[in-house]
C-alpha atoms as a PDB file:
ATOM      1  CA  MET A   1       0.000   0.000   0.000  1.00  0.00           C
ATOM      2  CA  SER A   2       2.975   2.355   0.244  1.00  0.00           C
ATOM      3  CA  PRO A   3       3.283   4.732  -2.710  1.00  0.00           C
ATOM      4  CA  ALA A   4       7.025   4.130  -3.055  1.00  0.00           C
ATOM      5  CA  ARG A   5       9.603   1.538  -2.105  1.00  0.00           C
ATOM      6  CA  VAL A   6      10.658   1.379   1.539  1.00  0.00           C
ATOM      7  CA  ASP A   7      13.496  -0.318   3.405  1.00  0.00           C
ATOM      8  CA  ARG A   8      12.378  -3.827   4.383  1.00  0.00           C
ATOM      9  CA  THR A   9      15.717  -5.147   5.627  1.00  0.00           C
ATOM     10  CA  GLY A  10      14.721  -5.129   9.319  1.00  0.00           C
ATOM     11  CA  PRO A  11      13.335  -8.043  11.359  1.00  0.00           C
ATOM     12  CA  ASN A  12       9.694  -7.123  10.633  1.00  0.00           C
ATOM     13  CA  LEU A  13       8.746  -7.425   6.970  1.00  0.00           C
ATOM     14  CA  ASP A  14       5.090  -6.434   7.558  1.00  0.00           C
ATOM     15  CA  ARG A  15       4.012  -2.839   7.830  1.00  0.00           C
ATOM     16  CA  GLY A  16       2.128  -1.713  10.925  1.00  0.00           C
ATOM     17  CA  TYR A  17      -1.555  -1.009  11.184  1.00  0.00           C
ATOM     18  CA  ILE A  18      -2.869   2.260   9.755  1.00  0.00           C
ATOM     19  CA  VAL A  19      -5.684   3.563  11.975  1.00  0.00           C
ATOM     20  CA  PRO A  20      -7.641   6.637  10.820  1.00  0.00           C
ATOM     21  CA  VAL A  21     -10.335   7.822  13.259  1.00  0.00           C
ATOM     22  CA  GLY A  22     -13.221  10.139  12.367  1.00  0.00           C
ATOM     23  CA  GLY A  23     -12.600  12.470  15.307  1.00  0.00           C
ATOM     24  CA  ALA A  24     -14.296  12.928  18.679  1.00  0.00           C
ATOM     25  CA  GLU A  25     -13.315   9.418  19.781  1.00  0.00           C
ATOM     26  CA  ASP A  26     -14.512   8.402  23.239  1.00  0.00           C
ATOM     27  CA  LYS A  27     -11.789   9.510  25.663  1.00  0.00           C
ATOM     28  CA  LEU A  28     -13.641   9.180  28.971  1.00  0.00           C
ATOM     29  CA  ALA A  29     -15.957   6.149  29.096  1.00  0.00           C
ATOM     30  CA  ASP A  30     -15.348   2.990  27.068  1.00  0.00           C
ATOM     31  CA  THR A  31     -12.384   4.420  25.072  1.00  0.00           C
ATOM     32  CA  ASN A  32     -12.740   1.354  22.814  1.00  0.00           C
ATOM     33  CA  ILE A  33     -10.808   2.787  19.873  1.00  0.00           C
ATOM     34  CA  LEU A  34      -7.878   3.995  21.961  1.00  0.00           C
ATOM     35  CA  LYS A  35      -7.817   0.714  23.915  1.00  0.00           C
ATOM     36  CA  LYS A  36      -7.708  -1.267  20.664  1.00  0.00           C
ATOM     37  CA  PHE A  37      -4.859   0.931  19.419  1.00  0.00           C
ATOM     38  CA  VAL A  38      -2.946   0.375  22.666  1.00  0.00           C
ATOM     39  CA  GLU A  39      -3.575  -3.368  22.414  1.00  0.00           C
ATOM     40  CA  ILE A  40      -2.006  -3.715  18.974  1.00  0.00           C
ATOM     41  CA  CYS A  41       0.902  -1.499  20.055  1.00  0.00           C
ATOM     42  CA  GLY A  42       1.880  -3.804  22.916  1.00  0.00           C
ATOM     43  CA  GLY A  43      -0.564  -3.149  25.762  1.00  0.00           C
ATOM     44  CA  LYS A  44       1.023  -1.757  28.909  1.00  0.00           C
ATOM     45  CA  GLU A  45       4.442  -2.280  27.322  1.00  0.00           C
ATOM     46  CA  ALA A  46       3.525  -0.005  24.406  1.00  0.00           C
ATOM     47  CA  ARG A  47       5.578   3.102  23.750  1.00  0.00           C
ATOM     48  CA  ILE A  48       3.259   5.744  22.283  1.00  0.00           C
ATOM     49  CA  ALA A  49       4.650   8.873  20.604  1.00  0.00           C
ATOM     50  CA  ILE A  50       1.974  11.586  20.382  1.00  0.00           C
ATOM     51  CA  ILE A  51       2.123  14.288  17.704  1.00  0.00           C
ATOM     52  CA  PRO A  52      -0.241  17.166  18.610  1.00  0.00           C
ATOM     53  CA  THR A  53       0.976  19.490  15.835  1.00  0.00           C
ATOM     54  CA  ALA A  54      -2.449  19.831  14.164  1.00  0.00           C
ATOM     55  CA  SER A  55      -3.787  21.544  17.288  1.00  0.00           C
ATOM     56  CA  VAL A  56      -2.940  25.067  18.435  1.00  0.00           C
ATOM     57  CA  LEU A  57      -3.878  24.156  22.014  1.00  0.00           C
ATOM     58  CA  ALA A  58      -0.896  23.554  24.291  1.00  0.00           C
ATOM     59  CA  GLU A  59      -2.980  21.136  26.373  1.00  0.00           C
ATOM     60  CA  THR A  60      -3.590  18.654  23.530  1.00  0.00           C
ATOM     61  CA  GLY A  61      -0.347  16.713  23.921  1.00  0.00           C
ATOM     62  CA  PRO A  62      -0.468  16.413  27.737  1.00  0.00           C
ATOM     63  CA  LYS A  63      -4.165  15.458  27.539  1.00  0.00           C
ATOM     64  CA  TYR A  64      -3.390  12.453  25.339  1.00  0.00           C
ATOM     65  CA  GLU A  65      -0.455  11.530  27.578  1.00  0.00           C
ATOM     66  CA  ARG A  66      -2.940  11.288  30.468  1.00  0.00           C
ATOM     67  CA  ILE A  67      -5.455   9.355  28.357  1.00  0.00           C
ATOM     68  CA  PHE A  68      -2.941   6.730  27.270  1.00  0.00           C
ATOM     69  CA  THR A  69      -1.383   6.332  30.726  1.00  0.00           C
ATOM     70  CA  GLY A  70      -4.911   6.074  32.134  1.00  0.00           C
ATOM     71  CA  ILE A  71      -5.530   3.140  29.795  1.00  0.00           C
ATOM     72  CA  GLY A  72      -2.417   1.518  31.250  1.00  0.00           C
ATOM     73  CA  VAL A  73       0.430   2.474  28.931  1.00  0.00           C
ATOM     74  CA  THR A  74       3.716   2.959  30.760  1.00  0.00           C
ATOM     75  CA  SER A  75       5.260   5.268  28.151  1.00  0.00           C
ATOM     76  CA  ALA A  76       3.239   7.958  26.338  1.00  0.00           C
ATOM     77  CA  THR A  77       5.202  11.031  25.242  1.00  0.00           C
ATOM     78  CA  ALA A  78       3.985  14.120  23.392  1.00  0.00           C
ATOM     79  CA  LEU A  79       6.275  15.601  20.745  1.00  0.00           C
ATOM     80  CA  PRO A  80       4.845  19.130  20.252  1.00  0.00           C
ATOM     81  CA  TYR A  81       6.369  20.083  16.907  1.00  0.00           C
ATOM     82  CA  ALA A  82       5.300  23.723  16.512  1.00  0.00           C
ATOM     83  CA  GLU A  83       7.636  24.886  13.727  1.00  0.00           C
ATOM     84  CA  ARG A  84       9.721  23.205  11.062  1.00  0.00           C
ATOM     85  CA  ALA A  85      12.958  23.657  13.033  1.00  0.00           C
ATOM     86  CA  ASP A  86      11.524  21.396  15.757  1.00  0.00           C
ATOM     87  CA  ALA A  87      11.715  18.480  13.317  1.00  0.00           C
ATOM     88  CA  GLU A  88      15.503  18.551  13.761  1.00  0.00           C
ATOM     89  CA  ARG A  89      15.421  17.845  17.514  1.00  0.00           C
ATOM     90  CA  ALA A  90      17.447  14.694  18.095  1.00  0.00           C
ATOM     91  CA  ASP A  91      15.803  13.874  21.456  1.00  0.00           C
ATOM     92  CA  TRP A  92      12.310  13.940  19.959  1.00  0.00           C
ATOM     93  CA  MET A  93      13.498  11.920  16.968  1.00  0.00           C
ATOM     94  CA  ALA A  94      14.853   9.251  19.321  1.00  0.00           C
ATOM     95  CA  THR A  95      11.450   9.004  21.036  1.00  0.00           C
ATOM     96  CA  LEU A  96       9.721   8.721  17.665  1.00  0.00           C
ATOM     97  CA  GLU A  97      12.054   5.991  16.421  1.00  0.00           C
ATOM     98  CA  GLU A  98      11.665   3.950  19.620  1.00  0.00           C
ATOM     99  CA  ALA A  99       7.849   4.059  19.584  1.00  0.00           C
ATOM    100  CA  THR A 100       5.684   0.995  19.011  1.00  0.00           C
ATOM    101  CA  GLY A 101       2.770   3.274  18.177  1.00  0.00           C
ATOM    102  CA  ILE A 102       2.485   6.817  16.809  1.00  0.00           C
ATOM    103  CA  TRP A 103      -0.688   8.814  17.464  1.00  0.00           C
ATOM    104  CA  ILE A 104      -1.471  12.033  15.546  1.00  0.00           C
ATOM    105  CA  THR A 105      -4.094  14.267  17.120  1.00  0.00           C
ATOM    106  CA  GLY A 106      -6.819  16.379  15.571  1.00  0.00           C
ATOM    107  CA  GLY A 107      -6.829  20.039  14.671  1.00  0.00           C
ATOM    108  CA  THR A 108      -6.047  21.374  11.197  1.00  0.00           C
ATOM    109  CA  GLN A 109      -4.429  19.057   8.668  1.00  0.00           C
ATOM    110  CA  LEU A 110      -2.672  21.917   6.886  1.00  0.00           C
ATOM    111  CA  ARG A 111      -0.740  22.637  10.103  1.00  0.00           C
ATOM    112  CA  LEU A 112       0.542  19.081   9.906  1.00  0.00           C
ATOM    113  CA  SER A 113       1.474  19.292   6.239  1.00  0.00           C
ATOM    114  CA  THR A 114       3.072  22.744   6.382  1.00  0.00           C
ATOM    115  CA  ILE A 115       5.030  22.138   9.604  1.00  0.00           C
ATOM    116  CA  LEU A 116       6.042  18.495   9.084  1.00  0.00           C
ATOM    117  CA  GLY A 117       5.636  17.823   5.382  1.00  0.00           C
ATOM    118  CA  GLY A 118       8.959  16.978   3.735  1.00  0.00           C
ATOM    119  CA  THR A 119      10.818  16.801   7.056  1.00  0.00           C
ATOM    120  CA  GLN A 120      12.706  13.912   8.595  1.00  0.00           C
ATOM    121  CA  VAL A 121       9.759  13.467  10.975  1.00  0.00           C
ATOM    122  CA  ALA A 122       7.353  12.737   8.124  1.00  0.00           C
ATOM    123  CA  ARG A 123       9.856  10.363   6.521  1.00  0.00           C
ATOM    124  CA  THR A 124      10.423   8.608   9.838  1.00  0.00           C
ATOM    125  CA  ILE A 125       6.695   8.107  10.452  1.00  0.00           C
ATOM    126  CA  ARG A 126       6.338   6.471   7.060  1.00  0.00           C
ATOM    127  CA  ARG A 127       9.497   4.386   7.447  1.00  0.00           C
ATOM    128  CA  CYS A 128       8.487   3.216  10.939  1.00  0.00           C
ATOM    129  CA  ASN A 129       5.026   2.197   9.721  1.00  0.00           C
ATOM    130  CA  ALA A 130       6.582   0.242   6.851  1.00  0.00           C
ATOM    131  CA  ALA A 131       8.773  -1.528   9.438  1.00  0.00           C
ATOM    132  CA  GLY A 132       5.868  -2.572  11.661  1.00  0.00           C
ATOM    133  CA  VAL A 133       5.077   0.424  13.872  1.00  0.00           C
ATOM    134  CA  HIS A 134       1.346   1.160  14.145  1.00  0.00           C
ATOM    135  CA  VAL A 135       0.252   4.689  13.213  1.00  0.00           C
ATOM    136  CA  GLY A 136      -3.125   6.168  14.093  1.00  0.00           C
ATOM    137  CA  GLY A 137      -4.628   9.586  13.780  1.00  0.00           C
ATOM    138  CA  THR A 138      -7.896  11.288  14.666  1.00  0.00           C
ATOM    139  CA  SER A 139      -9.686  13.953  12.605  1.00  0.00           C
ATOM    140  CA  ALA A 140      -6.886  15.976  10.952  1.00  0.00           C
ATOM    141  CA  GLY A 141      -4.468  13.257  12.071  1.00  0.00           C
ATOM    142  CA  ALA A 142      -6.548  10.747  10.110  1.00  0.00           C
ATOM    143  CA  ALA A 143      -6.740  12.842   6.951  1.00  0.00           C
ATOM    144  CA  ILE A 144      -2.975  13.177   6.603  1.00  0.00           C
ATOM    145  CA  LEU A 145      -2.165   9.457   6.812  1.00  0.00           C
ATOM    146  CA  SER A 146      -2.772   8.828   3.099  1.00  0.00           C
ATOM    147  CA  GLU A 147      -0.804  10.112   0.124  1.00  0.00           C
ATOM    148  CA  HIS A 148      -3.719  12.211  -1.160  1.00  0.00           C
ATOM    149  CA  MET A 149      -5.260  14.384   1.568  1.00  0.00           C
ATOM    150  CA  ILE A 150      -8.451  16.457   1.546  1.00  0.00           C
ATOM    151  CA  ALA A 151      -7.178  19.787   2.837  1.00  0.00           C
ATOM    152  CA  PHE A 152     -10.580  21.451   2.980  1.00  0.00           C
ATOM    153  CA  GLY A 153     -13.815  21.591   1.036  1.00  0.00           C
ATOM    154  CA  LYS A 154     -17.517  22.329   0.943  1.00  0.00           C
ATOM    155  CA  GLU A 155     -20.276  20.513   2.772  1.00  0.00           C
ATOM    156  CA  GLY A 156     -23.173  18.817   1.023  1.00  0.00           C
ATOM    157  CA  SER A 157     -24.129  15.438  -0.412  1.00  0.00           C
ATOM    158  CA  THR A 158     -23.702  16.267  -4.105  1.00  0.00           C
ATOM    159  CA  PRO A 159     -20.229  16.106  -5.699  1.00  0.00           C
ATOM    160  CA  ARG A 160     -19.325  19.434  -7.280  1.00  0.00           C
ATOM    161  CA  ALA A 161     -16.306  20.684  -9.168  1.00  0.00           C
ATOM    162  CA  GLY A 162     -13.977  22.378  -6.720  1.00  0.00           C
ATOM    163  CA  ALA A 163     -15.761  20.965  -3.658  1.00  0.00           C
ATOM    164  CA  ALA A 164     -12.558  19.307  -2.435  1.00  0.00           C
ATOM    165  CA  SER A 165      -9.111  20.888  -2.307  1.00  0.00           C
ATOM    166  CA  MET A 166      -6.352  18.281  -2.207  1.00  0.00           C
ATOM    167  CA  ALA A 167      -2.860  18.393  -0.703  1.00  0.00           C
ATOM    168  CA  PRO A 168      -0.072  15.849  -0.136  1.00  0.00           C
ATOM    169  CA  GLY A 169      -0.327  13.753   3.010  1.00  0.00           C
ATOM    170  CA  PHE A 170       2.279  11.609   4.785  1.00  0.00           C
ATOM    171  CA  GLY A 171       1.890   8.822   2.233  1.00  0.00           C
ATOM    172  CA  LEU A 172       1.511   5.755   4.463  1.00  0.00           C
ATOM    173  CA  THR A 173      -0.904   4.496   1.802  1.00  0.00           C
ATOM    174  CA  ASN A 174      -1.948   5.625  -1.657  1.00  0.00           C
ATOM    175  CA  ARG A 175      -5.003   3.372  -1.773  1.00  0.00           C
ATOM    176  CA  VAL A 176      -7.466   5.466   0.246  1.00  0.00           C
ATOM    177  CA  VAL A 177      -8.694   9.027   0.546  1.00  0.00           C
ATOM    178  CA  ILE A 178      -9.923   9.780   4.068  1.00  0.00           C
ATOM    179  CA  ASP A 179     -12.582  12.216   5.248  1.00  0.00           C
ATOM    180  CA  GLN A 180     -13.535  12.690   8.890  1.00  0.00           C
ATOM    181  CA  HIS A 181     -16.527  13.939  10.945  1.00  0.00           C
ATOM    182  CA  PHE A 182     -18.310  12.485   7.940  1.00  0.00           C
ATOM    183  CA  ARG A 183     -22.007  12.179   8.711  1.00  0.00           C
ATOM    184  CA  GLN A 184     -21.882  14.940  11.322  1.00  0.00           C
ATOM    185  CA  ARG A 185     -20.622  17.505   8.769  1.00  0.00           C
ATOM    186  CA  ASP A 186     -22.347  16.208   5.621  1.00  0.00           C
ATOM    187  CA  ARG A 187     -19.171  15.478   3.643  1.00  0.00           C
ATOM    188  CA  LEU A 188     -20.260  12.865   1.096  1.00  0.00           C
ATOM    189  CA  GLY A 189     -20.103  15.374  -1.760  1.00  0.00           C
ATOM    190  CA  ARG A 190     -16.519  16.436  -1.123  1.00  0.00           C
ATOM    191  CA  LEU A 191     -15.335  12.828  -0.744  1.00  0.00           C
ATOM    192  CA  LEU A 192     -16.977  11.913  -4.059  1.00  0.00           C
ATOM    193  CA  SER A 193     -15.455  15.018  -5.649  1.00  0.00           C
ATOM    194  CA  SER A 194     -11.968  14.011  -4.508  1.00  0.00           C
ATOM    195  CA  LEU A 195     -12.449  10.544  -6.008  1.00  0.00           C
ATOM    196  CA  ALA A 196     -13.802  11.956  -9.278  1.00  0.00           C
ATOM    197  CA  TYR A 197     -10.419  13.550 -10.015  1.00  0.00           C
ATOM    198  CA  ASN A 198      -8.799  10.126 -10.284  1.00  0.00           C
ATOM    199  CA  PRO A 199     -10.927   7.012  -9.659  1.00  0.00           C
ATOM    200  CA  PHE A 200      -8.113   4.914  -8.229  1.00  0.00           C
ATOM    201  CA  ALA A 201      -8.383   5.239  -4.465  1.00  0.00           C
ATOM    202  CA  ILE A 202     -11.070   3.967  -2.097  1.00  0.00           C
ATOM    203  CA  GLY A 203     -12.959   6.663  -0.216  1.00  0.00           C
ATOM    204  CA  LEU A 204     -13.300   6.312   3.555  1.00  0.00           C
ATOM    205  CA  GLY A 205     -15.875   8.595   5.168  1.00  0.00           C
ATOM    206  CA  LEU A 206     -15.366   8.189   8.919  1.00  0.00           C
ATOM    207  CA  ASP A 207     -18.090   9.147  11.375  1.00  0.00           C
ATOM    208  CA  GLU A 208     -17.031  10.517  14.738  1.00  0.00           C
ATOM    209  CA  ASP A 209     -15.970   7.922  17.336  1.00  0.00           C
ATOM    210  CA  THR A 210     -15.369   5.453  14.497  1.00  0.00           C
ATOM    211  CA  ALA A 211     -12.073   3.994  13.274  1.00  0.00           C
ATOM    212  CA  ALA A 212     -10.761   1.898  10.417  1.00  0.00           C
ATOM    213  CA  PHE A 213      -8.102  -0.540  11.625  1.00  0.00           C
ATOM    214  CA  ILE A 214      -6.272  -1.322   8.371  1.00  0.00           C
ATOM    215  CA  ALA A 215      -4.166  -4.434   8.918  1.00  0.00           C
ATOM    216  CA  PRO A 216      -0.900  -5.329   7.129  1.00  0.00           C
ATOM    217  CA  THR A 217      -3.017  -7.720   5.038  1.00  0.00           C
ATOM    218  CA  ASP A 218      -4.994  -4.693   3.733  1.00  0.00           C
ATOM    219  CA  THR A 219      -8.113  -5.861   5.554  1.00  0.00           C
ATOM    220  CA  LEU A 220     -10.055  -3.036   7.161  1.00  0.00           C
ATOM    221  CA  THR A 221     -12.028  -3.643  10.365  1.00  0.00           C
ATOM    222  CA  VAL A 222     -14.466  -1.084  11.767  1.00  0.00           C
ATOM    223  CA  VAL A 223     -14.305  -0.181  15.467  1.00  0.00           C
ATOM    224  CA  GLY A 224     -16.574   2.407  17.079  1.00  0.00           C
ATOM    225  CA  SER A 225     -20.074   3.684  17.668  1.00  0.00           C
ATOM    226  CA  GLY A 226     -20.707   5.191  14.226  1.00  0.00           C
ATOM    227  CA  ALA A 227     -20.215   3.996  10.670  1.00  0.00           C
ATOM    228  CA  ILE A 228     -17.772   4.198   7.798  1.00  0.00           C
ATOM    229  CA  THR A 229     -19.127   5.202   4.412  1.00  0.00           C
ATOM    230  CA  LEU A 230     -16.856   3.330   2.009  1.00  0.00           C
ATOM    231  CA  VAL A 231     -16.907   4.511  -1.592  1.00  0.00           C
ATOM    232  CA  ASP A 232     -15.498   2.220  -4.307  1.00  0.00           C
ATOM    233  CA  VAL A 233     -15.066   3.937  -7.684  1.00  0.00           C
ATOM    234  CA  SER A 234     -13.142   1.123  -9.360  1.00  0.00           C
ATOM    235  CA  GLY A 235     -16.183   0.450 -11.534  1.00  0.00           C
ATOM    236  CA  LEU A 236     -16.766   4.089 -12.458  1.00  0.00           C
ATOM    237  CA  ALA A 237     -18.209   4.188 -15.975  1.00  0.00           C
ATOM    238  CA  HIS A 238     -18.481   7.962 -16.345  1.00  0.00           C
ATOM    239  CA  SER A 239     -17.355  11.143 -14.592  1.00  0.00           C
ATOM    240  CA  SER A 240     -18.092  14.654 -15.850  1.00  0.00           C
ATOM    241  CA  MET A 241     -15.331  16.242 -13.749  1.00  0.00           C
ATOM    242  CA  ALA A 242     -13.225  17.174 -16.794  1.00  0.00           C
ATOM    243  CA  GLU A 243     -16.071  19.181 -18.356  1.00  0.00           C
ATOM    244  CA  ALA A 244     -17.608  20.709 -15.230  1.00  0.00           C
ATOM    245  CA  SER A 245     -17.402  24.387 -14.354  1.00  0.00           C
ATOM    246  CA  GLU A 246     -16.604  25.572 -10.826  1.00  0.00           C
ATOM    247  CA  SER A 247     -19.302  24.484  -8.326  1.00  0.00           C
ATOM    248  CA  GLU A 248     -21.223  22.586 -11.016  1.00  0.00           C
ATOM    249  CA  PRO A 249     -22.642  19.181  -9.958  1.00  0.00           C
ATOM    250  CA  ILE A 250     -20.613  16.180 -11.113  1.00  0.00           C
ATOM    251  CA  CYS A 251     -22.211  13.239 -12.884  1.00  0.00           C
ATOM    252  CA  MET A 252     -20.737   9.963 -11.599  1.00  0.00           C
ATOM    253  CA  ILE A 253     -22.042   6.613 -12.881  1.00  0.00           C
ATOM    254  CA  GLY A 254     -20.979   3.232 -11.519  1.00  0.00           C
ATOM    255  CA  VAL A 255     -20.107   4.207  -7.931  1.00  0.00           C
ATOM    256  CA  GLN A 256     -20.408   1.465  -5.302  1.00  0.00           C
ATOM    257  CA  LEU A 257     -21.093   2.471  -1.709  1.00  0.00           C
ATOM    258  CA  HIS A 258     -20.981   0.451   1.519  1.00  0.00           C
ATOM    259  CA  ILE A 259     -22.052   1.479   5.012  1.00  0.00           C
ATOM    260  CA  LEU A 260     -19.878  -0.438   7.478  1.00  0.00           C
ATOM    261  CA  VAL A 261     -20.486  -0.564  11.242  1.00  0.00           C
ATOM    262  CA  ASP A 262     -18.560  -1.938  14.212  1.00  0.00           C
ATOM    263  CA  GLY A 263     -17.165  -5.374  13.394  1.00  0.00           C
ATOM    264  CA  ALA A 264     -17.686  -5.133   9.630  1.00  0.00           C
ATOM    265  CA  THR A 265     -14.666  -5.769   7.409  1.00  0.00           C
ATOM    266  CA  TYR A 266     -13.482  -4.818   3.941  1.00  0.00           C
ATOM    267  CA  ASP A 267     -10.830  -6.590   1.882  1.00  0.00           C
ATOM    268  CA  MET A 268      -9.046  -3.712   0.137  1.00  0.00           C
ATOM    269  CA  ARG A 269      -7.340  -6.008  -2.365  1.00  0.00           C
ATOM    270  CA  ALA A 270     -10.407  -7.986  -3.453  1.00  0.00           C
ATOM    271  CA  ARG A 271     -12.732  -5.007  -2.712  1.00  0.00           C
ATOM    272  CA  VAL A 272     -15.191  -7.214  -0.839  1.00  0.00           C
ATOM    273  CA  ALA A 273     -17.202  -6.061   2.193  1.00  0.00           C
ATOM    274  CA  LYS A 274     -18.489  -8.390   4.925  1.00  0.00           C
ATOM    275  CA  PRO A 275     -20.980  -7.610   7.709  1.00  0.00           C
ATOM    276  CA  PRO A 276     -20.189  -8.063  11.389  1.00  0.00           C
ATOM    277  CA  ALA A 277     -20.462 -11.552  12.831  1.00  0.00           C
ATOM    278  CA  VAL A 278     -23.934 -12.247  14.201  1.00  0.00           C
ATOM    279  CA  LYS A 279     -23.946 -11.956  17.978  1.00  0.00           C
ATOM    280  CA  PRO A 280     -25.906 -14.565  19.973  1.00  0.00           C
ATOM    281  CA  SER A 281     -29.148 -13.177  21.385  1.00  0.00           C
ATOM    282  CA  GLU A 282     -29.492 -12.877  25.149  1.00  0.00           C
ATOM    283  CA  SER A 283     -32.303 -15.446  25.098  1.00  0.00           C
ATOM    284  CA  GLU A 284     -30.087 -18.170  23.602  1.00  0.00           C
END
């Protein structure tokens, strides 16, 4: 799933999980998404590096340190990169390279791309994921995980020319385009618009408190209280994007759409969705 070759000479030849979250994940009650992330990262032995760069709030990094240690993680360290020069800090780089999990917080994805894009930090995140380190992100931190990132756009259900402005992401995968706060902010139109430019990627519209755990096998499993709107344009027969004027509706024929809830899976290689396993009823 990586858009370019990576070094696979280390002991782990499988990449780590990629875990985009739709934002507003439960941080106080069940914390199911964060607990699942901690579990795959090594449980209480996990070493979580937190990147709060998308947020302008100084409290964001320390807040996630408390959340992860509250779950039971022994080591959770915020790396508050605030300007491009911070990406050269050797002590923070050592923490990043020793992590078993990297968590990127919400905020504004363009802060992430303008402060960290093209730096050694961005290259290290991608290299670590390719070597088996799990990388998750919520809201803006989810959007930047893929190669093609929705920087901003217009709300609404209808795809329109210019409804989605794209920017480079960190490039952990080139097979998905991610949008967050999906149902809450009515973002189907801008996700479809981003896919209409080049019908190669799979669109992932993540509701709040909902995550896609994308395994090294390229199987996606849904965790959370909402849903993922998965848009497959591999069978697109027609798109009017090339002829459309600014803000004009886009005609798209042959789009396949799945609504996936907690426990549902999607094989990203075969492009096959499966529902959650049926749970036994209480009366049985």
